[in-house]
Protein backbone atom coordinates (compact mmCIF):
# COMPACT_ATOMS: atom_id res chain seq x y z
CA MET A 1 5.39 21.77 3.57
CA GLU A 2 5.37 18.85 6.01
CA VAL A 3 3.45 15.79 4.89
CA ASN A 4 1.17 14.16 7.45
CA SER A 5 2.84 11.33 9.30
CA VAL A 6 1.06 8.48 7.56
CA THR A 7 2.83 5.14 7.45
CA LEU A 8 3.16 3.50 4.06
CA LEU A 9 2.85 -0.27 4.20
CA LEU A 10 4.58 -1.47 1.05
CA VAL A 11 3.60 -5.03 0.14
CA GLU A 12 6.18 -5.98 -2.48
CA ASP A 13 8.03 -9.26 -3.03
CA ASP A 14 10.66 -7.79 -5.37
CA ALA A 15 13.45 -6.34 -3.21
CA ILE A 16 14.74 -4.18 -6.08
CA ASP A 17 11.31 -2.63 -6.68
CA ALA A 18 10.83 -2.09 -2.94
CA GLU A 19 14.16 -0.29 -2.65
CA ALA A 20 13.44 1.82 -5.75
CA ILE A 21 10.10 2.92 -4.31
CA GLN A 22 11.66 3.84 -0.97
CA ARG A 23 14.52 5.68 -2.70
CA ALA A 24 12.07 7.70 -4.79
CA PHE A 25 10.26 8.85 -1.66
CA ARG A 26 13.53 9.79 0.03
CA GLN A 27 14.75 11.67 -3.07
CA HIS A 28 11.59 13.72 -3.11
CA ARG A 29 11.89 14.47 0.60
CA ILE A 30 8.77 12.59 1.59
CA ALA A 31 9.59 11.42 5.06
CA ASN A 32 6.62 9.18 5.67
CA PRO A 33 7.66 6.05 7.53
CA PHE A 34 7.89 2.87 5.44
CA VAL A 35 7.12 -0.64 6.51
CA VAL A 36 8.00 -3.23 3.87
CA VAL A 37 6.69 -6.80 3.78
CA ARG A 38 7.05 -9.45 1.08
CA ASP A 39 3.51 -10.72 0.59
CA GLY A 40 -0.09 -10.68 1.74
CA VAL A 41 0.54 -13.15 4.58
CA GLU A 42 3.16 -10.87 6.14
CA ALA A 43 1.01 -7.79 5.51
CA LEU A 44 -2.01 -9.28 7.27
CA ALA A 45 0.08 -10.36 10.24
CA ALA A 46 1.60 -6.87 10.50
CA LEU A 47 -1.77 -5.11 10.27
CA ARG A 48 -3.31 -7.45 12.84
CA GLY A 49 -0.42 -6.97 15.28
CA GLU A 50 0.59 -10.61 14.94
CA SER A 51 4.19 -10.10 13.84
CA GLU A 52 7.39 -8.35 14.86
CA VAL A 53 6.66 -5.76 12.17
CA GLU A 54 4.68 -2.82 13.51
CA VAL A 55 2.44 -0.69 11.30
CA PRO A 56 1.51 2.52 13.16
CA HIS A 57 -1.81 4.19 12.41
CA PRO A 58 -2.84 5.87 10.23
CA TYR A 59 -1.46 3.96 7.28
CA VAL A 60 -1.93 3.50 3.55
CA VAL A 61 -1.12 0.24 1.75
CA LEU A 62 0.79 0.20 -1.52
CA LEU A 63 0.13 -3.30 -2.86
CA ASP A 64 1.65 -5.50 -5.55
CA VAL A 65 -0.65 -8.09 -7.14
CA ASN A 66 1.80 -10.81 -8.20
CA MET A 67 3.29 -12.26 -5.01
CA PRO A 68 3.95 -15.70 -3.51
CA ARG A 69 1.88 -17.32 -0.74
CA MET A 70 -0.90 -14.69 -0.81
CA ASN A 71 -1.23 -12.43 -3.83
CA GLY A 72 -2.68 -8.94 -3.82
CA ILE A 73 -6.23 -9.95 -4.70
CA GLU A 74 -6.25 -12.61 -1.95
CA PHE A 75 -4.93 -9.97 0.46
CA LEU A 76 -7.77 -7.64 -0.55
CA ASP A 77 -10.28 -10.47 0.04
CA ALA A 78 -8.88 -10.95 3.54
CA ILE A 79 -8.80 -7.31 4.64
CA ARG A 80 -12.23 -6.49 3.23
CA ALA A 81 -13.66 -9.48 5.17
CA ASP A 82 -11.98 -8.36 8.42
CA PRO A 83 -14.11 -5.74 10.25
CA ALA A 84 -11.02 -4.19 11.84
CA LEU A 85 -9.27 -3.77 8.47
CA SER A 86 -12.15 -3.45 6.02
CA ARG A 87 -11.72 0.30 5.49
CA THR A 88 -7.99 0.13 4.84
CA ILE A 89 -6.85 2.49 2.08
CA VAL A 90 -5.06 0.55 -0.65
CA PHE A 91 -3.34 1.66 -3.84
CA VAL A 92 -2.26 -1.12 -6.19
CA LEU A 93 1.18 -0.71 -7.80
CA THR A 94 1.82 -3.72 -9.99
CA THR A 95 3.08 -5.17 -13.26
CA SER A 96 -0.26 -6.92 -13.85
CA ASP A 97 -2.14 -5.36 -16.74
CA ARG A 98 -4.72 -8.17 -16.67
CA GLU A 99 -8.30 -6.91 -16.88
CA GLU A 100 -9.47 -9.45 -14.30
CA ASP A 101 -6.93 -8.12 -11.76
CA LYS A 102 -8.03 -4.53 -12.37
CA VAL A 103 -11.71 -5.47 -12.01
CA ALA A 104 -11.06 -7.54 -8.89
CA ALA A 105 -9.02 -4.75 -7.31
CA TYR A 106 -11.70 -2.12 -7.91
CA GLU A 107 -14.39 -4.53 -6.69
CA HIS A 108 -12.40 -4.49 -3.44
CA ASN A 109 -12.57 -0.68 -3.32
CA VAL A 110 -8.94 0.18 -3.99
CA ALA A 111 -8.11 3.87 -4.16
CA GLY A 112 -6.19 3.41 -7.40
CA TYR A 113 -4.58 0.86 -9.73
CA ILE A 114 -1.18 1.94 -11.04
CA LEU A 115 0.89 -0.05 -13.52
CA LYS A 116 4.61 -0.12 -12.78
CA SER A 117 5.32 0.01 -16.53
CA ARG A 118 3.37 3.25 -16.85
CA ALA A 119 4.78 4.67 -13.64
CA GLY A 120 8.35 3.90 -14.81
CA GLU A 121 9.92 7.23 -15.68
CA ASP A 122 6.85 9.02 -14.37
CA PHE A 123 7.18 7.46 -10.93
CA LEU A 124 7.57 10.98 -9.60
CA GLU A 125 3.90 11.49 -10.49
CA VAL A 126 2.96 8.49 -8.33
CA VAL A 127 5.00 9.93 -5.48
CA LYS A 128 3.34 13.32 -5.94
CA LEU A 129 -0.11 11.69 -6.00
CA LEU A 130 0.52 10.00 -2.66
CA ARG A 131 2.09 13.14 -1.22
CA VAL A 132 -1.00 15.22 -2.11
CA TYR A 133 -3.27 12.46 -0.85
CA TRP A 134 -1.53 12.41 2.54
CA ARG A 135 -1.47 16.18 2.77
CA LEU A 136 -5.16 16.70 1.96
CA VAL A 137 -7.01 13.66 3.26
CA GLU A 138 -8.11 13.59 6.88
CA PHE A 139 -7.77 10.18 8.49
CA PRO A 140 -9.86 9.02 11.45
CA PRO A 141 -7.67 8.50 14.52
CA SER A 142 -8.26 4.76 14.66
CA GLN A 143 -8.31 4.07 10.89
CA GLY A 144 -7.64 0.35 10.52
CA ALA A 145 -7.01 -0.20 14.22
CA ALA A 146 -8.20 -3.45 15.69
CA ALA A 147 -11.31 -3.14 17.83
C-alpha cells in the first residue's frame, strides 16, 4: 500500500543517527521524502522558506532535543509562537530521558516523545508508527504553509 506523500523533516545533528533513520525508512520501503537539517535554526529557516532547503507540504517533523545553536525545546518555542507554523506536527526522537524535556515537549503539543535508547532494536516499530500515521491521518492542504 502506498504511503501518503508526506515529507519528513528530520532535525538531527548526529550524521550517523540521521543516516540510520533514513536507511530504516528505505529498508522498510517507506518512500516519503526526507529533508535533513542539523538543528533548530536550520529547521526554522527551511520551514519559513528562508533557506536553500525546501520542505514541501504537508510535512511532519522528527525532532532531536540535544542540538547546538537551537535545541529541540527552543525550536518548539519558536514554531508554536509562529502563527504560520504553530500547528506543525512534531514527534520527538531523542536520547534525552530528562523529565523536564518530556514535560516541555508535551507542553508544546508534540505528537509523541520517543527515546532513541528504547527505539534501538525496535526502531522498526517507530517506522511502523509513522507509516500508519501518514496512511491514516488526513492533512489540510496548507498545513504549516506560510500565510
